[in-house]
Amino acid sequence: QRTIEEATGIFFTGGDQLKITSLLG
């Protein structure tokens, strides 16, 4: 959480989009 809060840019790579939402949602 702190890493995200300190970022000025966040970059999501390719792969399987369902992994993003199922792990982070």
PDB file of all heavy atoms in Angstrom:
ATOM      1  N   GLN A   1       0.833  -1.205   0.000  1.00  0.00           N
ATOM      2  CA  GLN A   1       0.000   0.000   0.000  1.00  0.00           C
ATOM      3  C   GLN A   1       0.867   1.255   0.000  1.00  0.00           C
ATOM      4  O   GLN A   1       0.616   2.202  -0.754  1.00  0.00           O
ATOM      5  CB  GLN A   1      -0.902   0.004   1.235  1.00  0.00           C
ATOM      6  CG  GLN A   1      -1.975  -1.056   1.232  1.00  0.00           C
ATOM      7  CD  GLN A   1      -2.711  -1.078   2.565  1.00  0.00           C
ATOM      8  OE1 GLN A   1      -3.345  -0.110   2.958  1.00  0.00           O
ATOM      9  NE2 GLN A   1      -2.604  -2.192   3.288  1.00  0.00           N
ATOM     10  N   ARG A   2       1.906   1.247   0.831  1.00  0.00           N
ATOM     11  CA  ARG A   2       2.787   2.410   0.914  1.00  0.00           C
ATOM     12  C   ARG A   2       3.542   2.620  -0.410  1.00  0.00           C
ATOM     13  O   ARG A   2       3.736   3.762  -0.847  1.00  0.00           O
ATOM     14  CB  ARG A   2       3.774   2.239   2.075  1.00  0.00           C
ATOM     15  CG  ARG A   2       4.605   3.476   2.362  1.00  0.00           C
ATOM     16  CD  ARG A   2       5.229   3.416   3.742  1.00  0.00           C
ATOM     17  NE  ARG A   2       6.042   2.208   3.928  1.00  0.00           N
ATOM     18  CZ  ARG A   2       5.704   1.202   4.730  1.00  0.00           C
ATOM     19  NH1 ARG A   2       4.573   1.254   5.411  1.00  0.00           N
ATOM     20  NH2 ARG A   2       6.496   0.149   4.861  1.00  0.00           N
ATOM     21  N   THR A   3       3.928   1.531  -1.031  1.00  0.00           N
ATOM     22  CA  THR A   3       4.625   1.624  -2.317  1.00  0.00           C
ATOM     23  C   THR A   3       3.738   2.298  -3.362  1.00  0.00           C
ATOM     24  O   THR A   3       4.192   3.168  -4.119  1.00  0.00           O
ATOM     25  CB  THR A   3       5.024   0.216  -2.805  1.00  0.00           C
ATOM     26  OG1 THR A   3       5.915  -0.363  -1.843  1.00  0.00           O
ATOM     27  CG2 THR A   3       5.714   0.277  -4.154  1.00  0.00           C
ATOM     28  N   ILE A   4       2.461   1.908  -3.401  1.00  0.00           N
ATOM     29  CA  ILE A   4       1.514   2.524  -4.332  1.00  0.00           C
ATOM     30  C   ILE A   4       1.324   4.005  -4.001  1.00  0.00           C
ATOM     31  O   ILE A   4       1.309   4.865  -4.894  1.00  0.00           O
ATOM     32  CB  ILE A   4       0.151   1.794  -4.282  1.00  0.00           C
ATOM     33  CG1 ILE A   4       0.284   0.358  -4.816  1.00  0.00           C
ATOM     34  CG2 ILE A   4      -0.921   2.577  -5.041  1.00  0.00           C
ATOM     35  CD1 ILE A   4       0.612   0.252  -6.268  1.00  0.00           C
ATOM     36  N   GLU A   5       1.199   4.315  -2.737  1.00  0.00           N
ATOM     37  CA  GLU A   5       0.937   5.691  -2.313  1.00  0.00           C
ATOM     38  C   GLU A   5       2.102   6.622  -2.618  1.00  0.00           C
ATOM     39  O   GLU A   5       1.902   7.833  -2.797  1.00  0.00           O
ATOM     40  CB  GLU A   5       0.609   5.710  -0.815  1.00  0.00           C
ATOM     41  CG  GLU A   5      -0.746   5.083  -0.497  1.00  0.00           C
ATOM     42  CD  GLU A   5      -0.918   4.732   0.971  1.00  0.00           C
ATOM     43  OE1 GLU A   5       0.010   5.051   1.759  1.00  0.00           O
ATOM     44  OE2 GLU A   5      -1.949   4.136   1.332  1.00  0.00           O
ATOM     45  N   GLU A   6       3.318   6.084  -2.704  1.00  0.00           N
ATOM     46  CA  GLU A   6       4.506   6.903  -2.974  1.00  0.00           C
ATOM     47  C   GLU A   6       4.820   7.020  -4.460  1.00  0.00           C
ATOM     48  O   GLU A   6       5.686   7.797  -4.856  1.00  0.00           O
ATOM     49  CB  GLU A   6       5.707   6.313  -2.237  1.00  0.00           C
ATOM     50  CG  GLU A   6       5.601   6.406  -0.710  1.00  0.00           C
ATOM     51  CD  GLU A   6       6.714   5.643   0.003  1.00  0.00           C
ATOM     52  OE1 GLU A   6       7.475   4.934  -0.677  1.00  0.00           O
ATOM     53  OE2 GLU A   6       6.797   5.775   1.238  1.00  0.00           O
ATOM     54  N   ALA A   7       4.105   6.274  -5.296  1.00  0.00           N
ATOM     55  CA  ALA A   7       4.394   6.246  -6.725  1.00  0.00           C
ATOM     56  C   ALA A   7       3.901   7.505  -7.427  1.00  0.00           C
ATOM     57  O   ALA A   7       2.916   8.127  -7.016  1.00  0.00           O
ATOM     58  CB  ALA A   7       3.743   5.021  -7.358  1.00  0.00           C
ATOM     59  N   THR A   8       4.593   7.885  -8.501  1.00  0.00           N
ATOM     60  CA  THR A   8       4.085   8.925  -9.408  1.00  0.00           C
ATOM     61  C   THR A   8       3.595   8.304 -10.712  1.00  0.00           C
ATOM     62  O   THR A   8       2.906   8.971 -11.490  1.00  0.00           O
ATOM     63  CB  THR A   8       5.167   9.970  -9.725  1.00  0.00           C
ATOM     64  OG1 THR A   8       6.235   9.355 -10.448  1.00  0.00           O
ATOM     65  CG2 THR A   8       5.714  10.591  -8.442  1.00  0.00           C
ATOM     66  N   GLY A   9       3.968   7.054 -10.960  1.00  0.00           N
ATOM     67  CA  GLY A   9       3.499   6.330 -12.136  1.00  0.00           C
ATOM     68  C   GLY A   9       3.419   4.843 -11.829  1.00  0.00           C
ATOM     69  O   GLY A   9       4.326   4.288 -11.202  1.00  0.00           O
ATOM     70  N   ILE A  10       2.327   4.197 -12.248  1.00  0.00           N
ATOM     71  CA  ILE A  10       2.118   2.772 -11.984  1.00  0.00           C
ATOM     72  C   ILE A  10       1.875   2.085 -13.315  1.00  0.00           C
ATOM     73  O   ILE A  10       1.051   2.538 -14.119  1.00  0.00           O
ATOM     74  CB  ILE A  10       0.921   2.561 -11.035  1.00  0.00           C
ATOM     75  CG1 ILE A  10       1.193   3.246  -9.693  1.00  0.00           C
ATOM     76  CG2 ILE A  10       0.642   1.067 -10.835  1.00  0.00           C
ATOM     77  CD1 ILE A  10      -0.046   3.445  -8.838  1.00  0.00           C
ATOM     78  N   PHE A  11       2.580   0.976 -13.554  1.00  0.00           N
ATOM     79  CA  PHE A  11       2.544   0.312 -14.858  1.00  0.00           C
ATOM     80  C   PHE A  11       2.167  -1.159 -14.699  1.00  0.00           C
ATOM     81  O   PHE A  11       2.891  -1.928 -14.062  1.00  0.00           O
ATOM     82  CB  PHE A  11       3.910   0.419 -15.542  1.00  0.00           C
ATOM     83  CG  PHE A  11       3.915  -0.012 -16.978  1.00  0.00           C
ATOM     84  CD1 PHE A  11       3.754   0.917 -18.003  1.00  0.00           C
ATOM     85  CD2 PHE A  11       4.079  -1.349 -17.328  1.00  0.00           C
ATOM     86  CE1 PHE A  11       3.754   0.526 -19.331  1.00  0.00           C
ATOM     87  CE2 PHE A  11       4.080  -1.754 -18.648  1.00  0.00           C
ATOM     88  CZ  PHE A  11       3.910  -0.811 -19.655  1.00  0.00           C
ATOM     89  N   PHE A  12       1.023  -1.546 -15.276  1.00  0.00           N
ATOM     90  CA  PHE A  12       0.587  -2.941 -15.292  1.00  0.00           C
ATOM     91  C   PHE A  12       1.050  -3.613 -16.579  1.00  0.00           C
ATOM     92  O   PHE A  12       0.788  -3.111 -17.677  1.00  0.00           O
ATOM     93  CB  PHE A  12      -0.945  -3.032 -15.207  1.00  0.00           C
ATOM     94  CG  PHE A  12      -1.504  -2.793 -13.842  1.00  0.00           C
ATOM     95  CD1 PHE A  12      -1.806  -1.509 -13.408  1.00  0.00           C
ATOM     96  CD2 PHE A  12      -1.735  -3.858 -12.978  1.00  0.00           C
ATOM     97  CE1 PHE A  12      -2.333  -1.287 -12.144  1.00  0.00           C
ATOM     98  CE2 PHE A  12      -2.262  -3.645 -11.704  1.00  0.00           C
ATOM     99  CZ  PHE A  12      -2.555  -2.361 -11.288  1.00  0.00           C
ATOM    100  N   THR A  13       1.697  -4.760 -16.443  1.00  0.00           N
ATOM    101  CA  THR A  13       2.189  -5.489 -17.614  1.00  0.00           C
ATOM    102  C   THR A  13       1.092  -6.371 -18.204  1.00  0.00           C
ATOM    103  O   THR A  13      -0.018  -6.453 -17.687  1.00  0.00           O
ATOM    104  CB  THR A  13       3.386  -6.375 -17.239  1.00  0.00           C
ATOM    105  OG1 THR A  13       2.910  -7.495 -16.460  1.00  0.00           O
ATOM    106  CG2 THR A  13       4.423  -5.612 -16.446  1.00  0.00           C
ATOM    107  N   GLY A  14       1.436  -7.056 -19.297  1.00  0.00           N
ATOM    108  CA  GLY A  14       0.519  -7.989 -19.925  1.00  0.00           C
ATOM    109  C   GLY A  14       0.500  -9.336 -19.222  1.00  0.00           C
ATOM    110  O   GLY A  14       1.234  -9.574 -18.257  1.00  0.00           O
ATOM    111  N   GLY A  15      -0.364 -10.210 -19.720  1.00  0.00           N
ATOM    112  CA  GLY A  15      -0.513 -11.544 -19.146  1.00  0.00           C
ATOM    113  C   GLY A  15      -1.967 -11.965 -19.175  1.00  0.00           C
ATOM    114  O   GLY A  15      -2.590 -12.024 -20.230  1.00  0.00           O
ATOM    115  N   ASP A  16      -2.538 -12.196 -18.007  1.00  0.00           N
ATOM    116  CA  ASP A  16      -3.933 -12.618 -17.868  1.00  0.00           C
ATOM    117  C   ASP A  16      -4.661 -11.590 -17.004  1.00  0.00           C
ATOM    118  O   ASP A  16      -4.389 -11.476 -15.804  1.00  0.00           O
ATOM    119  CB  ASP A  16      -3.991 -14.011 -17.212  1.00  0.00           C
ATOM    120  CG  ASP A  16      -5.406 -14.512 -16.992  1.00  0.00           C
ATOM    121  OD1 ASP A  16      -6.367 -13.766 -17.283  1.00  0.00           O
ATOM    122  OD2 ASP A  16      -5.558 -15.649 -16.507  1.00  0.00           O
ATOM    123  N   GLN A  17      -5.586 -10.850 -17.605  1.00  0.00           N
ATOM    124  CA  GLN A  17      -6.256  -9.775 -16.882  1.00  0.00           C
ATOM    125  C   GLN A  17      -7.092 -10.267 -15.704  1.00  0.00           C
ATOM    126  O   GLN A  17      -7.295  -9.537 -14.722  1.00  0.00           O
ATOM    127  CB  GLN A  17      -7.126  -8.927 -17.820  1.00  0.00           C
ATOM    128  CG  GLN A  17      -8.118  -9.681 -18.674  1.00  0.00           C
ATOM    129  CD  GLN A  17      -7.568  -9.985 -20.055  1.00  0.00           C
ATOM    130  OE1 GLN A  17      -6.413 -10.391 -20.194  1.00  0.00           O
ATOM    131  NE2 GLN A  17      -8.383  -9.779 -21.074  1.00  0.00           N
ATOM    132  N   LEU A  18      -7.552 -11.508 -15.771  1.00  0.00           N
ATOM    133  CA  LEU A  18      -8.351 -12.031 -14.663  1.00  0.00           C
ATOM    134  C   LEU A  18      -7.496 -12.199 -13.406  1.00  0.00           C
ATOM    135  O   LEU A  18      -8.012 -12.124 -12.288  1.00  0.00           O
ATOM    136  CB  LEU A  18      -8.994 -13.357 -15.056  1.00  0.00           C
ATOM    137  CG  LEU A  18     -10.165 -13.844 -14.188  1.00  0.00           C
ATOM    138  CD1 LEU A  18     -11.251 -12.783 -14.091  1.00  0.00           C
ATOM    139  CD2 LEU A  18     -10.736 -15.144 -14.739  1.00  0.00           C
ATOM    140  N   LYS A  19      -6.182 -12.400 -13.566  1.00  0.00           N
ATOM    141  CA  LYS A  19      -5.299 -12.469 -12.406  1.00  0.00           C
ATOM    142  C   LYS A  19      -5.258 -11.124 -11.683  1.00  0.00           C
ATOM    143  O   LYS A  19      -5.204 -11.073 -10.452  1.00  0.00           O
ATOM    144  CB  LYS A  19      -3.882 -12.885 -12.836  1.00  0.00           C
ATOM    145  CG  LYS A  19      -3.741 -14.346 -13.204  1.00  0.00           C
ATOM    146  CD  LYS A  19      -2.306 -14.676 -13.593  1.00  0.00           C
ATOM    147  CE  LYS A  19      -1.345 -14.550 -12.424  1.00  0.00           C
ATOM    148  NZ  LYS A  19       0.046 -14.907 -12.796  1.00  0.00           N
ATOM    149  N   ILE A  20      -5.295 -10.049 -12.446  1.00  0.00           N
ATOM    150  CA  ILE A  20      -5.248  -8.723 -11.822  1.00  0.00           C
ATOM    151  C   ILE A  20      -6.459  -8.514 -10.932  1.00  0.00           C
ATOM    152  O   ILE A  20      -6.342  -8.158  -9.754  1.00  0.00           O
ATOM    153  CB  ILE A  20      -5.175  -7.619 -12.897  1.00  0.00           C
ATOM    154  CG1 ILE A  20      -3.880  -7.739 -13.711  1.00  0.00           C
ATOM    155  CG2 ILE A  20      -5.272  -6.233 -12.244  1.00  0.00           C
ATOM    156  CD1 ILE A  20      -3.804  -6.773 -14.889  1.00  0.00           C
ATOM    157  N   THR A  21      -7.641  -8.733 -11.499  1.00  0.00           N
ATOM    158  CA  THR A  21      -8.859  -8.444 -10.736  1.00  0.00           C
ATOM    159  C   THR A  21      -9.115  -9.465  -9.626  1.00  0.00           C
ATOM    160  O   THR A  21      -9.594  -9.108  -8.554  1.00  0.00           O
ATOM    161  CB  THR A  21     -10.076  -8.380 -11.668  1.00  0.00           C
ATOM    162  OG1 THR A  21     -10.166  -9.592 -12.430  1.00  0.00           O
ATOM    163  CG2 THR A  21      -9.955  -7.201 -12.617  1.00  0.00           C
ATOM    164  N   SER A  22      -8.785 -10.733  -9.869  1.00  0.00           N
ATOM    165  CA  SER A  22      -9.056 -11.747  -8.846  1.00  0.00           C
ATOM    166  C   SER A  22      -8.108 -11.630  -7.658  1.00  0.00           C
ATOM    167  O   SER A  22      -8.477 -11.961  -6.526  1.00  0.00           O
ATOM    168  CB  SER A  22      -8.973 -13.160  -9.449  1.00  0.00           C
ATOM    169  OG  SER A  22      -7.670 -13.430  -9.929  1.00  0.00           O
ATOM    170  N   LEU A  23      -6.890 -11.138  -7.885  1.00  0.00           N
ATOM    171  CA  LEU A  23      -5.938 -10.981  -6.790  1.00  0.00           C
ATOM    172  C   LEU A  23      -6.074  -9.627  -6.096  1.00  0.00           C
ATOM    173  O   LEU A  23      -5.873  -9.519  -4.884  1.00  0.00           O
ATOM    174  CB  LEU A  23      -4.503 -11.156  -7.297  1.00  0.00           C
ATOM    175  CG  LEU A  23      -4.131 -12.547  -7.820  1.00  0.00           C
ATOM    176  CD1 LEU A  23      -2.672 -12.573  -8.253  1.00  0.00           C
ATOM    177  CD2 LEU A  23      -4.376 -13.620  -6.756  1.00  0.00           C
ATOM    178  N   LEU A  24      -6.421  -8.595  -6.855  1.00  0.00           N
ATOM    179  CA  LEU A  24      -6.450  -7.244  -6.283  1.00  0.00           C
ATOM    180  C   LEU A  24      -7.836  -6.756  -5.890  1.00  0.00           C
ATOM    181  O   LEU A  24      -7.967  -5.896  -5.013  1.00  0.00           O
ATOM    182  CB  LEU A  24      -5.860  -6.242  -7.286  1.00  0.00           C
ATOM    183  CG  LEU A  24      -4.349  -6.262  -7.490  1.00  0.00           C
ATOM    184  CD1 LEU A  24      -3.959  -5.267  -8.559  1.00  0.00           C
ATOM    185  CD2 LEU A  24      -3.630  -5.950  -6.198  1.00  0.00           C
ATOM    186  N   GLY A  25      -8.870  -7.257  -6.541  1.00  0.00           N
ATOM    187  CA  GLY A  25     -10.205  -6.702  -6.377  1.00  0.00           C
ATOM    188  C   GLY A  25     -10.657  -6.599  -4.925  1.00  0.00           C
ATOM    189  O   GLY A  25     -10.729  -7.596  -4.209  1.00  0.00           O
TER     190      GLY A  25
END
